[in-house]
Amino acid sequence: GAELRRPMEALALWGARLLASGRGGDDFRPRWLASALPALLREAVADPAQTLGVEVDGLLLELRLGPDGPIVLIDPQQAPTTVVRAREEAIIALAAGQLSVDEAAAAGFIEGDVGVVRKVFERI
């Protein structure tokens, strides 16, 4: 299984770049973000760890960013206090740095602590 990590990340990155401009008529399943987000954030770390929710089309994912990088859980037992709710292309654009946290906040995508979203998605 571990040998498949890099090819799966490459596939997720390829698809995410296409999705950032909109899916058009292509199929999309929100749970695919569980692979795409860690691939897009693979170089990101946070210490102390940060946790936020990502909700797309009614599916809640929990994104944890810690010292060892990102982890995504599908349908967590309890919703995190900070949640980003948006269409998949906005989530991908945010993770890819094509949409700023300020723009996401202004669009009403963020519920909770914007600072947590900054620590996860802004890589300064």
C-alpha atoms as a PDB file:
ATOM      1  CA  GLY A   1       0.000   0.000   0.000  1.00  0.00           C
ATOM      2  CA  ALA A   2       2.738   2.489   0.885  1.00  0.00           C
ATOM      3  CA  GLU A   3       4.261   2.148  -2.578  1.00  0.00           C
ATOM      4  CA  LEU A   4       1.064   3.547  -4.080  1.00  0.00           C
ATOM      5  CA  ARG A   5       1.188   6.783  -2.098  1.00  0.00           C
ATOM      6  CA  ARG A   6       3.276   8.806  -4.584  1.00  0.00           C
ATOM      7  CA  PRO A   7       1.350   7.677  -7.703  1.00  0.00           C
ATOM      8  CA  MET A   8      -1.968   8.385  -5.945  1.00  0.00           C
ATOM      9  CA  GLU A   9      -0.736  11.833  -4.890  1.00  0.00           C
ATOM     10  CA  ALA A  10       0.358  12.547  -8.472  1.00  0.00           C
ATOM     11  CA  LEU A  11      -3.060  11.511  -9.775  1.00  0.00           C
ATOM     12  CA  ALA A  12      -4.809  13.643  -7.157  1.00  0.00           C
ATOM     13  CA  LEU A  13      -2.675  16.670  -8.054  1.00  0.00           C
ATOM     14  CA  TRP A  14      -3.348  16.190 -11.767  1.00  0.00           C
ATOM     15  CA  GLY A  15      -7.101  16.010 -11.193  1.00  0.00           C
ATOM     16  CA  ALA A  16      -7.117  18.863  -8.678  1.00  0.00           C
ATOM     17  CA  ARG A  17      -5.463  21.248 -11.129  1.00  0.00           C
ATOM     18  CA  LEU A  18      -8.169  20.503 -13.685  1.00  0.00           C
ATOM     19  CA  LEU A  19     -10.941  20.821 -11.097  1.00  0.00           C
ATOM     20  CA  ALA A  20      -9.793  24.232  -9.840  1.00  0.00           C
ATOM     21  CA  SER A  21     -11.209  25.837 -12.992  1.00  0.00           C
ATOM     22  CA  GLY A  22     -14.556  24.071 -12.534  1.00  0.00           C
ATOM     23  CA  ARG A  23     -15.714  20.567 -13.239  1.00  0.00           C
ATOM     24  CA  GLY A  24     -17.895  21.381 -16.213  1.00  0.00           C
ATOM     25  CA  GLY A  25     -19.705  18.166 -17.094  1.00  0.00           C
ATOM     26  CA  ASP A  26     -17.187  15.905 -15.355  1.00  0.00           C
ATOM     27  CA  ASP A  27     -18.209  13.685 -12.464  1.00  0.00           C
ATOM     28  CA  PHE A  28     -16.981  14.528  -8.962  1.00  0.00           C
ATOM     29  CA  ARG A  29     -17.420  12.775  -5.637  1.00  0.00           C
ATOM     30  CA  PRO A  30     -16.672  14.857  -2.513  1.00  0.00           C
ATOM     31  CA  ARG A  31     -14.840  11.954  -0.866  1.00  0.00           C
ATOM     32  CA  TRP A  32     -12.150  12.285  -3.545  1.00  0.00           C
ATOM     33  CA  LEU A  33     -10.992  15.327  -1.573  1.00  0.00           C
ATOM     34  CA  ALA A  34      -9.693  12.868   1.049  1.00  0.00           C
ATOM     35  CA  SER A  35      -6.896  12.082  -1.437  1.00  0.00           C
ATOM     36  CA  ALA A  36      -6.592  15.462  -3.123  1.00  0.00           C
ATOM     37  CA  LEU A  37      -6.173  17.607   0.018  1.00  0.00           C
ATOM     38  CA  PRO A  38      -3.188  15.686   1.466  1.00  0.00           C
ATOM     39  CA  ALA A  39      -1.566  15.721  -1.980  1.00  0.00           C
ATOM     40  CA  LEU A  40      -2.032  19.482  -2.338  1.00  0.00           C
ATOM     41  CA  LEU A  41      -0.838  20.118   1.224  1.00  0.00           C
ATOM     42  CA  ARG A  42       1.903  17.451   1.301  1.00  0.00           C
ATOM     43  CA  GLU A  43       4.647  19.947   2.184  1.00  0.00           C
ATOM     44  CA  ALA A  44       2.557  21.714   4.847  1.00  0.00           C
ATOM     45  CA  VAL A  45       3.044  21.099   8.567  1.00  0.00           C
ATOM     46  CA  ALA A  46       1.705  22.702  11.726  1.00  0.00           C
ATOM     47  CA  ASP A  47       3.006  22.600  15.267  1.00  0.00           C
ATOM     48  CA  PRO A  48       0.827  22.657  17.236  1.00  0.00           C
ATOM     49  CA  ALA A  49      -1.558  20.612  15.096  1.00  0.00           C
ATOM     50  CA  GLN A  50      -4.604  22.317  13.581  1.00  0.00           C
ATOM     51  CA  THR A  51      -7.961  20.704  12.787  1.00  0.00           C
ATOM     52  CA  LEU A  52     -10.757  21.995  10.620  1.00  0.00           C
ATOM     53  CA  GLY A  53     -13.746  20.639   8.775  1.00  0.00           C
ATOM     54  CA  VAL A  54     -14.196  20.750   5.022  1.00  0.00           C
ATOM     55  CA  GLU A  55     -17.758  20.285   3.801  1.00  0.00           C
ATOM     56  CA  VAL A  56     -18.697  19.729   0.167  1.00  0.00           C
ATOM     57  CA  ASP A  57     -22.159  18.662  -1.009  1.00  0.00           C
ATOM     58  CA  GLY A  58     -23.154  17.591   2.509  1.00  0.00           C
ATOM     59  CA  LEU A  59     -20.072  15.418   3.118  1.00  0.00           C
ATOM     60  CA  LEU A  60     -17.953  16.515   6.065  1.00  0.00           C
ATOM     61  CA  LEU A  61     -14.237  15.770   6.066  1.00  0.00           C
ATOM     62  CA  GLU A  62     -11.880  16.452   8.948  1.00  0.00           C
ATOM     63  CA  LEU A  63      -8.542  17.877   7.859  1.00  0.00           C
ATOM     64  CA  ARG A  64      -5.780  17.620  10.455  1.00  0.00           C
ATOM     65  CA  LEU A  65      -2.470  19.305   9.827  1.00  0.00           C
ATOM     66  CA  GLY A  66       0.271  18.381  12.258  1.00  0.00           C
ATOM     67  CA  PRO A  67       4.052  18.157  12.471  1.00  0.00           C
ATOM     68  CA  ASP A  68       3.996  15.120  10.142  1.00  0.00           C
ATOM     69  CA  GLY A  69       1.740  16.720   7.529  1.00  0.00           C
ATOM     70  CA  PRO A  70      -1.943  16.436   6.605  1.00  0.00           C
ATOM     71  CA  ILE A  71      -4.439  13.676   7.376  1.00  0.00           C
ATOM     72  CA  VAL A  72      -8.066  13.601   6.216  1.00  0.00           C
ATOM     73  CA  LEU A  73     -10.883  11.663   7.867  1.00  0.00           C
ATOM     74  CA  ILE A  74     -14.231  11.095   6.153  1.00  0.00           C
ATOM     75  CA  ASP A  75     -17.384  11.642   8.239  1.00  0.00           C
ATOM     76  CA  PRO A  76     -15.745  12.388  11.605  1.00  0.00           C
ATOM     77  CA  GLN A  77     -17.683  11.527  14.759  1.00  0.00           C
ATOM     78  CA  GLN A  78     -17.829  15.185  15.778  1.00  0.00           C
ATOM     79  CA  ALA A  79     -17.702  18.253  13.551  1.00  0.00           C
ATOM     80  CA  PRO A  80     -14.684  20.511  14.140  1.00  0.00           C
ATOM     81  CA  THR A  81     -15.464  24.002  15.454  1.00  0.00           C
ATOM     82  CA  THR A  82     -14.023  25.595  12.305  1.00  0.00           C
ATOM     83  CA  VAL A  83     -15.513  24.460   8.995  1.00  0.00           C
ATOM     84  CA  VAL A  84     -14.935  25.533   5.400  1.00  0.00           C
ATOM     85  CA  ARG A  85     -18.130  24.958   3.374  1.00  0.00           C
ATOM     86  CA  ALA A  86     -17.898  25.467  -0.361  1.00  0.00           C
ATOM     87  CA  ARG A  87     -18.049  23.799  -3.755  1.00  0.00           C
ATOM     88  CA  GLU A  88     -15.180  21.485  -4.584  1.00  0.00           C
ATOM     89  CA  GLU A  89     -13.478  23.899  -6.962  1.00  0.00           C
ATOM     90  CA  ALA A  90     -13.272  26.530  -4.204  1.00  0.00           C
ATOM     91  CA  ILE A  91     -11.800  24.005  -1.744  1.00  0.00           C
ATOM     92  CA  ILE A  92      -9.219  22.893  -4.316  1.00  0.00           C
ATOM     93  CA  ALA A  93      -8.381  26.513  -5.181  1.00  0.00           C
ATOM     94  CA  LEU A  94      -7.926  27.306  -1.471  1.00  0.00           C
ATOM     95  CA  ALA A  95      -5.624  24.314  -0.939  1.00  0.00           C
ATOM     96  CA  ALA A  96      -3.671  25.133  -4.117  1.00  0.00           C
ATOM     97  CA  GLY A  97      -3.167  28.767  -3.106  1.00  0.00           C
ATOM     98  CA  GLN A  98      -5.339  30.087  -5.946  1.00  0.00           C
ATOM     99  CA  LEU A  99      -8.005  31.375  -3.519  1.00  0.00           C
ATOM    100  CA  SER A 100      -6.860  33.310  -0.465  1.00  0.00           C
ATOM    101  CA  VAL A 101      -8.222  32.748   3.016  1.00  0.00           C
ATOM    102  CA  ASP A 102      -9.459  36.365   2.975  1.00  0.00           C
ATOM    103  CA  GLU A 103     -11.352  35.710  -0.277  1.00  0.00           C
ATOM    104  CA  ALA A 104     -12.851  32.511   1.167  1.00  0.00           C
ATOM    105  CA  ALA A 105     -13.911  34.389   4.302  1.00  0.00           C
ATOM    106  CA  ALA A 106     -15.426  37.241   2.262  1.00  0.00           C
ATOM    107  CA  ALA A 107     -17.395  34.690   0.215  1.00  0.00           C
ATOM    108  CA  GLY A 108     -18.860  33.271   3.441  1.00  0.00           C
ATOM    109  CA  PHE A 109     -17.125  29.891   3.120  1.00  0.00           C
ATOM    110  CA  ILE A 110     -15.618  29.892   6.632  1.00  0.00           C
ATOM    111  CA  GLU A 111     -17.511  29.217   9.848  1.00  0.00           C
ATOM    112  CA  GLY A 112     -15.444  29.544  12.994  1.00  0.00           C
ATOM    113  CA  ASP A 113     -11.845  30.651  13.532  1.00  0.00           C
ATOM    114  CA  VAL A 114     -10.339  32.130  10.358  1.00  0.00           C
ATOM    115  CA  GLY A 115      -6.941  31.882  12.082  1.00  0.00           C
ATOM    116  CA  VAL A 116      -7.136  28.078  12.000  1.00  0.00           C
ATOM    117  CA  VAL A 117      -7.869  28.202   8.254  1.00  0.00           C
ATOM    118  CA  ARG A 118      -4.851  30.486   7.771  1.00  0.00           C
ATOM    119  CA  LYS A 119      -2.559  28.086   9.645  1.00  0.00           C
ATOM    120  CA  VAL A 120      -3.690  25.187   7.444  1.00  0.00           C
ATOM    121  CA  PHE A 121      -3.885  26.796   4.016  1.00  0.00           C
ATOM    122  CA  GLU A 122      -1.412  29.695   4.073  1.00  0.00           C
ATOM    123  CA  ARG A 123       2.191  28.671   3.606  1.00  0.00           C
ATOM    124  CA  ILE A 124       4.330  31.714   4.264  1.00  0.00           C
END
